[in-house]
């Protein structure tokens, strides 16, 4: 399924073809072993870096942009609460200055230290 999404991107971006093929293999292997869990995949930037063997943060950023524009992944921004849970936003522009931790019932200032980008598969 994801090979179909990645194949056109591999042809369109030959300079990043190897990294995109690595992601294609990763998703293909995962789909073969645990197809029902595929929609649950959530990768942080560090894991994406490892899978893609990006080599640099700028190259990682470029390849992630390709994967997002190609509708293979979408970005989610998670704000972690002191209680360990968190709240998810679709973009950085949606982040409020303060969020409420419902478990500890306290207001939390949204700072860079508690923001985690993650990437989930587009399943439609």
N, C-alpha and C. Protein backbone atom coordinates (compact mmCIF):
# COMPACT_ATOMS: atom_id res chain seq x y z
N UNK A 1 0.81 -1.19 0.00
CA UNK A 1 0.00 0.00 0.00
C UNK A 1 0.86 1.26 0.00
N UNK A 2 1.84 1.32 0.90
CA UNK A 2 2.68 2.52 0.96
C UNK A 2 3.72 2.55 -0.13
N UNK A 3 4.03 1.40 -0.69
CA UNK A 3 4.93 1.38 -1.84
C UNK A 3 4.32 2.16 -2.98
N UNK A 4 3.00 2.07 -3.12
CA UNK A 4 2.31 2.82 -4.17
C UNK A 4 2.42 4.31 -3.94
N UNK A 5 2.41 4.75 -2.70
CA UNK A 5 2.54 6.17 -2.38
C UNK A 5 3.99 6.64 -2.54
N UNK A 6 4.93 5.77 -2.21
CA UNK A 6 6.34 6.17 -2.23
C UNK A 6 6.97 6.09 -3.61
N UNK A 7 6.51 5.18 -4.45
CA UNK A 7 7.12 5.03 -5.78
C UNK A 7 7.15 6.32 -6.59
N UNK A 8 6.05 7.07 -6.67
CA UNK A 8 6.10 8.32 -7.43
C UNK A 8 7.06 9.34 -6.80
N UNK A 9 7.16 9.33 -5.48
CA UNK A 9 8.08 10.26 -4.82
C UNK A 9 9.53 9.90 -5.11
N UNK A 10 9.81 8.60 -5.16
CA UNK A 10 11.17 8.14 -5.46
C UNK A 10 11.56 8.59 -6.86
N UNK A 11 10.64 8.49 -7.81
CA UNK A 11 10.92 8.94 -9.18
C UNK A 11 11.04 10.46 -9.26
N UNK A 12 10.23 11.15 -8.51
CA UNK A 12 10.19 12.62 -8.57
C UNK A 12 11.39 13.27 -7.88
N UNK A 13 11.94 12.60 -6.87
CA UNK A 13 13.05 13.16 -6.09
C UNK A 13 14.23 12.19 -6.12
N UNK A 14 14.89 12.05 -7.26
CA UNK A 14 15.98 11.07 -7.38
C UNK A 14 17.14 11.34 -6.42
N UNK A 15 17.36 12.60 -6.04
CA UNK A 15 18.46 12.91 -5.12
C UNK A 15 18.19 12.35 -3.72
N UNK A 16 16.93 12.06 -3.41
CA UNK A 16 16.57 11.50 -2.11
C UNK A 16 16.00 10.09 -2.23
N UNK A 17 16.20 9.47 -3.37
CA UNK A 17 15.61 8.16 -3.65
C UNK A 17 16.02 7.09 -2.64
N UNK A 18 17.28 7.05 -2.27
CA UNK A 18 17.73 6.01 -1.34
C UNK A 18 17.06 6.13 0.01
N UNK A 19 16.95 7.35 0.51
CA UNK A 19 16.29 7.56 1.80
C UNK A 19 14.82 7.17 1.70
N UNK A 20 14.17 7.54 0.62
CA UNK A 20 12.76 7.20 0.43
C UNK A 20 12.59 5.69 0.29
N UNK A 21 13.53 5.02 -0.35
CA UNK A 21 13.47 3.55 -0.45
C UNK A 21 13.62 2.89 0.93
N UNK A 22 14.46 3.49 1.77
CA UNK A 22 14.61 2.95 3.13
C UNK A 22 13.29 3.05 3.88
N UNK A 23 12.59 4.17 3.72
CA UNK A 23 11.28 4.32 4.36
C UNK A 23 10.29 3.33 3.76
N UNK A 24 10.36 3.14 2.46
CA UNK A 24 9.49 2.17 1.78
C UNK A 24 9.71 0.77 2.35
N UNK A 25 10.98 0.39 2.53
CA UNK A 25 11.30 -0.93 3.10
C UNK A 25 10.81 -1.04 4.54
N UNK A 26 11.03 0.01 5.32
CA UNK A 26 10.59 0.02 6.72
C UNK A 26 9.08 -0.20 6.79
N UNK A 27 8.32 0.56 6.02
CA UNK A 27 6.87 0.44 6.04
C UNK A 27 6.41 -0.90 5.48
N UNK A 28 7.08 -1.37 4.44
CA UNK A 28 6.73 -2.67 3.86
C UNK A 28 6.96 -3.80 4.84
N UNK A 29 8.10 -3.78 5.54
CA UNK A 29 8.40 -4.80 6.55
C UNK A 29 7.39 -4.74 7.68
N UNK A 30 7.08 -3.53 8.12
CA UNK A 30 6.11 -3.37 9.21
C UNK A 30 4.75 -3.89 8.78
N UNK A 31 4.35 -3.54 7.56
CA UNK A 31 3.05 -3.96 7.04
C UNK A 31 2.97 -5.49 6.93
N UNK A 32 4.07 -6.12 6.53
CA UNK A 32 4.11 -7.57 6.40
C UNK A 32 3.96 -8.25 7.76
N UNK A 33 4.64 -7.72 8.76
CA UNK A 33 4.64 -8.35 10.08
C UNK A 33 3.44 -7.98 10.94
N UNK A 34 3.00 -6.70 10.86
CA UNK A 34 1.97 -6.23 11.78
C UNK A 34 1.01 -5.26 11.07
N UNK A 35 0.39 -5.72 10.03
CA UNK A 35 -0.46 -4.86 9.20
C UNK A 35 -1.54 -4.15 10.00
N UNK A 36 -2.13 -4.81 10.97
CA UNK A 36 -3.21 -4.19 11.73
C UNK A 36 -2.72 -3.02 12.59
N UNK A 37 -1.42 -3.00 12.91
CA UNK A 37 -0.85 -1.93 13.73
C UNK A 37 -0.33 -0.77 12.88
N UNK A 38 -0.36 -0.89 11.57
CA UNK A 38 0.18 0.14 10.69
C UNK A 38 -0.39 1.53 10.98
N UNK A 39 -1.69 1.67 11.18
CA UNK A 39 -2.23 3.01 11.47
C UNK A 39 -1.74 3.59 12.80
N UNK A 40 -1.14 2.77 13.65
CA UNK A 40 -0.68 3.23 14.95
C UNK A 40 0.76 3.73 14.93
N UNK A 41 1.45 3.60 13.81
CA UNK A 41 2.85 4.04 13.73
C UNK A 41 2.93 5.53 14.04
N UNK A 42 3.81 5.87 14.95
CA UNK A 42 4.09 7.26 15.30
C UNK A 42 5.61 7.36 15.43
N UNK A 43 6.22 8.16 14.58
CA UNK A 43 7.67 8.27 14.56
C UNK A 43 8.09 9.68 14.99
N UNK A 44 9.06 9.75 15.88
CA UNK A 44 9.60 11.06 16.24
C UNK A 44 10.74 11.41 15.28
N UNK A 45 11.21 12.65 15.28
CA UNK A 45 12.27 13.03 14.33
C UNK A 45 13.52 12.17 14.44
N UNK A 46 13.87 11.77 15.64
CA UNK A 46 15.07 10.95 15.82
C UNK A 46 14.91 9.59 15.12
N UNK A 47 13.75 8.99 15.25
CA UNK A 47 13.50 7.70 14.60
C UNK A 47 13.47 7.86 13.09
N UNK A 48 12.87 8.95 12.61
CA UNK A 48 12.86 9.23 11.16
C UNK A 48 14.29 9.38 10.65
N UNK A 49 15.13 10.08 11.41
CA UNK A 49 16.53 10.27 11.04
C UNK A 49 17.22 8.92 10.87
N UNK A 50 16.98 8.02 11.83
CA UNK A 50 17.59 6.69 11.78
C UNK A 50 17.09 5.86 10.60
N UNK A 51 15.79 5.85 10.38
CA UNK A 51 15.22 5.06 9.28
C UNK A 51 15.73 5.57 7.94
N UNK A 52 15.69 6.89 7.76
CA UNK A 52 16.06 7.49 6.48
C UNK A 52 17.57 7.58 6.29
N UNK A 53 18.32 7.42 7.39
CA UNK A 53 19.77 7.63 7.37
C UNK A 53 20.06 8.97 6.69
N UNK A 54 19.41 10.00 7.22
CA UNK A 54 19.42 11.32 6.60
C UNK A 54 20.79 11.98 6.55
N UNK A 55 21.62 11.76 7.54
CA UNK A 55 22.96 12.34 7.51
C UNK A 55 23.06 13.74 8.09
N UNK A 56 22.03 14.56 7.93
CA UNK A 56 22.01 15.91 8.49
C UNK A 56 20.58 16.31 8.78
N UNK A 57 20.44 17.28 9.65
CA UNK A 57 19.10 17.76 9.98
C UNK A 57 18.43 18.45 8.81
N UNK A 58 19.20 19.14 7.99
CA UNK A 58 18.60 19.82 6.84
C UNK A 58 18.08 18.79 5.82
N UNK A 59 18.81 17.72 5.63
CA UNK A 59 18.34 16.67 4.72
C UNK A 59 17.12 15.97 5.31
N UNK A 60 17.13 15.72 6.60
CA UNK A 60 15.97 15.13 7.27
C UNK A 60 14.74 16.01 7.05
N UNK A 61 14.90 17.29 7.25
CA UNK A 61 13.79 18.22 7.08
C UNK A 61 13.25 18.17 5.65
N UNK A 62 14.14 18.14 4.68
CA UNK A 62 13.72 18.08 3.27
C UNK A 62 12.95 16.79 2.98
N UNK A 63 13.44 15.67 3.46
CA UNK A 63 12.79 14.38 3.18
C UNK A 63 11.44 14.29 3.91
N UNK A 64 11.39 14.78 5.14
CA UNK A 64 10.12 14.79 5.85
C UNK A 64 9.11 15.66 5.10
N UNK A 65 9.55 16.78 4.57
CA UNK A 65 8.66 17.64 3.77
C UNK A 65 8.13 16.89 2.56
N UNK A 66 8.98 16.12 1.92
CA UNK A 66 8.56 15.31 0.76
C UNK A 66 7.51 14.30 1.19
N UNK A 67 7.73 13.64 2.32
CA UNK A 67 6.80 12.63 2.81
C UNK A 67 5.46 13.24 3.23
N UNK A 68 5.50 14.45 3.74
CA UNK A 68 4.26 15.13 4.13
C UNK A 68 3.51 15.61 2.89
N UNK A 69 4.23 16.25 1.97
CA UNK A 69 3.59 16.72 0.74
C UNK A 69 3.05 15.56 -0.09
N UNK A 70 3.71 14.42 -0.03
CA UNK A 70 3.26 13.22 -0.74
C UNK A 70 2.17 12.46 -0.01
N UNK A 71 1.73 13.00 1.12
CA UNK A 71 0.65 12.43 1.92
C UNK A 71 0.94 11.00 2.38
N UNK A 72 2.22 10.74 2.68
CA UNK A 72 2.60 9.48 3.29
C UNK A 72 2.49 9.64 4.81
N UNK A 73 2.99 10.76 5.33
CA UNK A 73 2.92 11.08 6.75
C UNK A 73 2.26 12.44 6.93
N UNK A 74 1.77 12.65 8.14
CA UNK A 74 1.36 13.98 8.54
C UNK A 74 1.96 14.26 9.91
N UNK A 75 2.23 15.53 10.14
CA UNK A 75 2.88 15.92 11.40
C UNK A 75 1.82 16.18 12.46
N UNK A 76 2.13 15.77 13.66
CA UNK A 76 1.35 16.13 14.84
C UNK A 76 2.30 16.73 15.86
N UNK A 77 1.81 17.70 16.57
CA UNK A 77 2.60 18.33 17.61
C UNK A 77 1.98 17.93 18.94
N UNK A 78 2.77 17.32 19.80
CA UNK A 78 2.29 16.88 21.10
C UNK A 78 2.88 17.79 22.18
N UNK A 79 2.02 18.29 23.04
CA UNK A 79 2.46 19.05 24.21
C UNK A 79 2.32 18.10 25.40
N UNK A 80 3.45 17.77 26.01
CA UNK A 80 3.48 16.82 27.14
C UNK A 80 3.17 17.54 28.45
N UNK A 81 2.29 16.95 29.23
CA UNK A 81 1.93 17.47 30.54
C UNK A 81 2.86 16.90 31.60
N UNK A 82 2.98 17.57 32.74
CA UNK A 82 3.78 17.01 33.84
C UNK A 82 3.30 15.63 34.27
N UNK A 83 2.02 15.35 34.09
CA UNK A 83 1.48 14.05 34.48
C UNK A 83 1.92 12.93 33.53
N UNK A 84 2.50 13.29 32.40
CA UNK A 84 2.96 12.29 31.44
C UNK A 84 2.07 12.17 30.22
N UNK A 85 0.82 12.54 30.35
CA UNK A 85 -0.06 12.51 29.18
C UNK A 85 0.22 13.75 28.33
N UNK A 86 -0.57 14.00 27.34
CA UNK A 86 -0.35 15.16 26.50
C UNK A 86 -1.56 15.48 25.66
N UNK A 87 -1.45 16.55 24.91
CA UNK A 87 -2.50 16.98 24.01
C UNK A 87 -1.86 17.18 22.64
N UNK A 88 -2.62 16.85 21.60
CA UNK A 88 -2.09 16.86 20.24
C UNK A 88 -2.67 18.03 19.45
N UNK A 89 -1.80 18.65 18.64
CA UNK A 89 -2.20 19.73 17.74
C UNK A 89 -1.72 19.40 16.34
N UNK A 90 -2.39 19.95 15.35
CA UNK A 90 -2.03 19.68 13.95
C UNK A 90 -0.85 20.51 13.47
N UNK A 91 -0.62 21.66 14.08
CA UNK A 91 0.48 22.52 13.62
C UNK A 91 0.99 23.38 14.77
N UNK A 92 2.15 23.94 14.56
CA UNK A 92 2.72 24.83 15.56
C UNK A 92 1.87 26.07 15.75
N UNK A 93 1.22 26.51 14.69
CA UNK A 93 0.40 27.73 14.77
C UNK A 93 -0.82 27.54 15.68
N UNK A 94 -1.22 26.31 15.94
CA UNK A 94 -2.36 26.04 16.81
C UNK A 94 -1.99 26.01 18.29
N UNK A 95 -0.69 26.00 18.59
CA UNK A 95 -0.27 25.87 19.99
C UNK A 95 -0.67 27.09 20.81
N UNK A 96 -1.35 26.86 21.91
CA UNK A 96 -1.66 27.99 22.81
C UNK A 96 -0.45 28.30 23.69
N UNK A 97 -0.52 29.38 24.41
CA UNK A 97 0.58 29.72 25.33
C UNK A 97 0.51 28.88 26.60
N UNK A 98 -0.70 28.50 26.98
CA UNK A 98 -0.91 27.74 28.21
C UNK A 98 -1.90 26.61 27.93
N UNK A 99 -1.62 25.44 28.49
CA UNK A 99 -2.55 24.30 28.42
C UNK A 99 -2.83 23.84 29.84
N UNK A 100 -3.91 23.13 29.98
CA UNK A 100 -4.31 22.62 31.29
C UNK A 100 -4.03 21.12 31.36
N UNK A 101 -3.25 20.72 32.36
CA UNK A 101 -3.01 19.30 32.61
C UNK A 101 -4.22 18.79 33.38
N UNK A 102 -5.07 17.96 32.73
CA UNK A 102 -6.29 17.53 33.40
C UNK A 102 -6.05 16.56 34.56
N UNK A 103 -4.94 15.86 34.55
CA UNK A 103 -4.65 14.90 35.61
C UNK A 103 -4.22 15.63 36.89
N UNK A 104 -3.29 16.57 36.74
CA UNK A 104 -2.80 17.31 37.91
C UNK A 104 -3.61 18.57 38.17
N UNK A 105 -4.51 18.92 37.25
CA UNK A 105 -5.36 20.10 37.37
C UNK A 105 -4.54 21.38 37.58
N UNK A 106 -3.54 21.54 36.71
CA UNK A 106 -2.69 22.75 36.75
C UNK A 106 -2.52 23.29 35.34
N UNK A 107 -2.30 24.60 35.26
CA UNK A 107 -1.97 25.23 33.99
C UNK A 107 -0.48 25.04 33.74
N UNK A 108 -0.14 24.79 32.46
CA UNK A 108 1.24 24.54 32.08
C UNK A 108 1.61 25.49 30.96
N UNK A 109 2.72 26.20 31.14
CA UNK A 109 3.23 27.08 30.10
C UNK A 109 3.80 26.23 28.97
N UNK A 110 3.38 26.50 27.74
CA UNK A 110 3.87 25.73 26.59
C UNK A 110 5.24 26.28 26.19
N UNK A 111 6.25 25.47 26.40
CA UNK A 111 7.62 25.85 26.04
C UNK A 111 8.20 24.78 25.12
N UNK A 112 9.29 25.10 24.51
CA UNK A 112 9.96 24.19 23.58
C UNK A 112 10.29 22.85 24.22
N UNK A 113 10.58 22.86 25.51
CA UNK A 113 10.98 21.63 26.22
C UNK A 113 9.87 20.59 26.30
N UNK A 114 8.61 21.02 26.21
CA UNK A 114 7.51 20.07 26.36
C UNK A 114 6.77 19.82 25.03
N UNK A 115 7.32 20.34 23.94
CA UNK A 115 6.72 20.15 22.62
C UNK A 115 7.47 19.04 21.89
N UNK A 116 6.73 18.07 21.36
CA UNK A 116 7.32 16.95 20.60
C UNK A 116 6.64 16.83 19.26
N UNK A 117 7.37 17.02 18.17
CA UNK A 117 6.78 16.71 16.88
C UNK A 117 6.78 15.20 16.67
N UNK A 118 5.77 14.71 16.00
CA UNK A 118 5.76 13.30 15.64
C UNK A 118 5.07 13.18 14.30
N UNK A 119 5.29 12.06 13.66
CA UNK A 119 4.78 11.83 12.30
C UNK A 119 3.98 10.55 12.30
N UNK A 120 2.74 10.65 11.80
CA UNK A 120 1.87 9.49 11.72
C UNK A 120 1.49 9.25 10.26
N UNK A 121 1.20 8.02 9.94
CA UNK A 121 0.85 7.66 8.57
C UNK A 121 -0.50 8.24 8.17
N UNK A 122 -0.57 8.69 6.95
CA UNK A 122 -1.85 9.08 6.37
C UNK A 122 -2.48 7.79 5.88
N UNK A 123 -3.61 7.44 6.44
CA UNK A 123 -4.18 6.11 6.16
C UNK A 123 -5.33 6.14 5.16
N UNK A 124 -5.62 7.27 4.57
CA UNK A 124 -6.72 7.28 3.59
C UNK A 124 -6.20 7.53 2.20
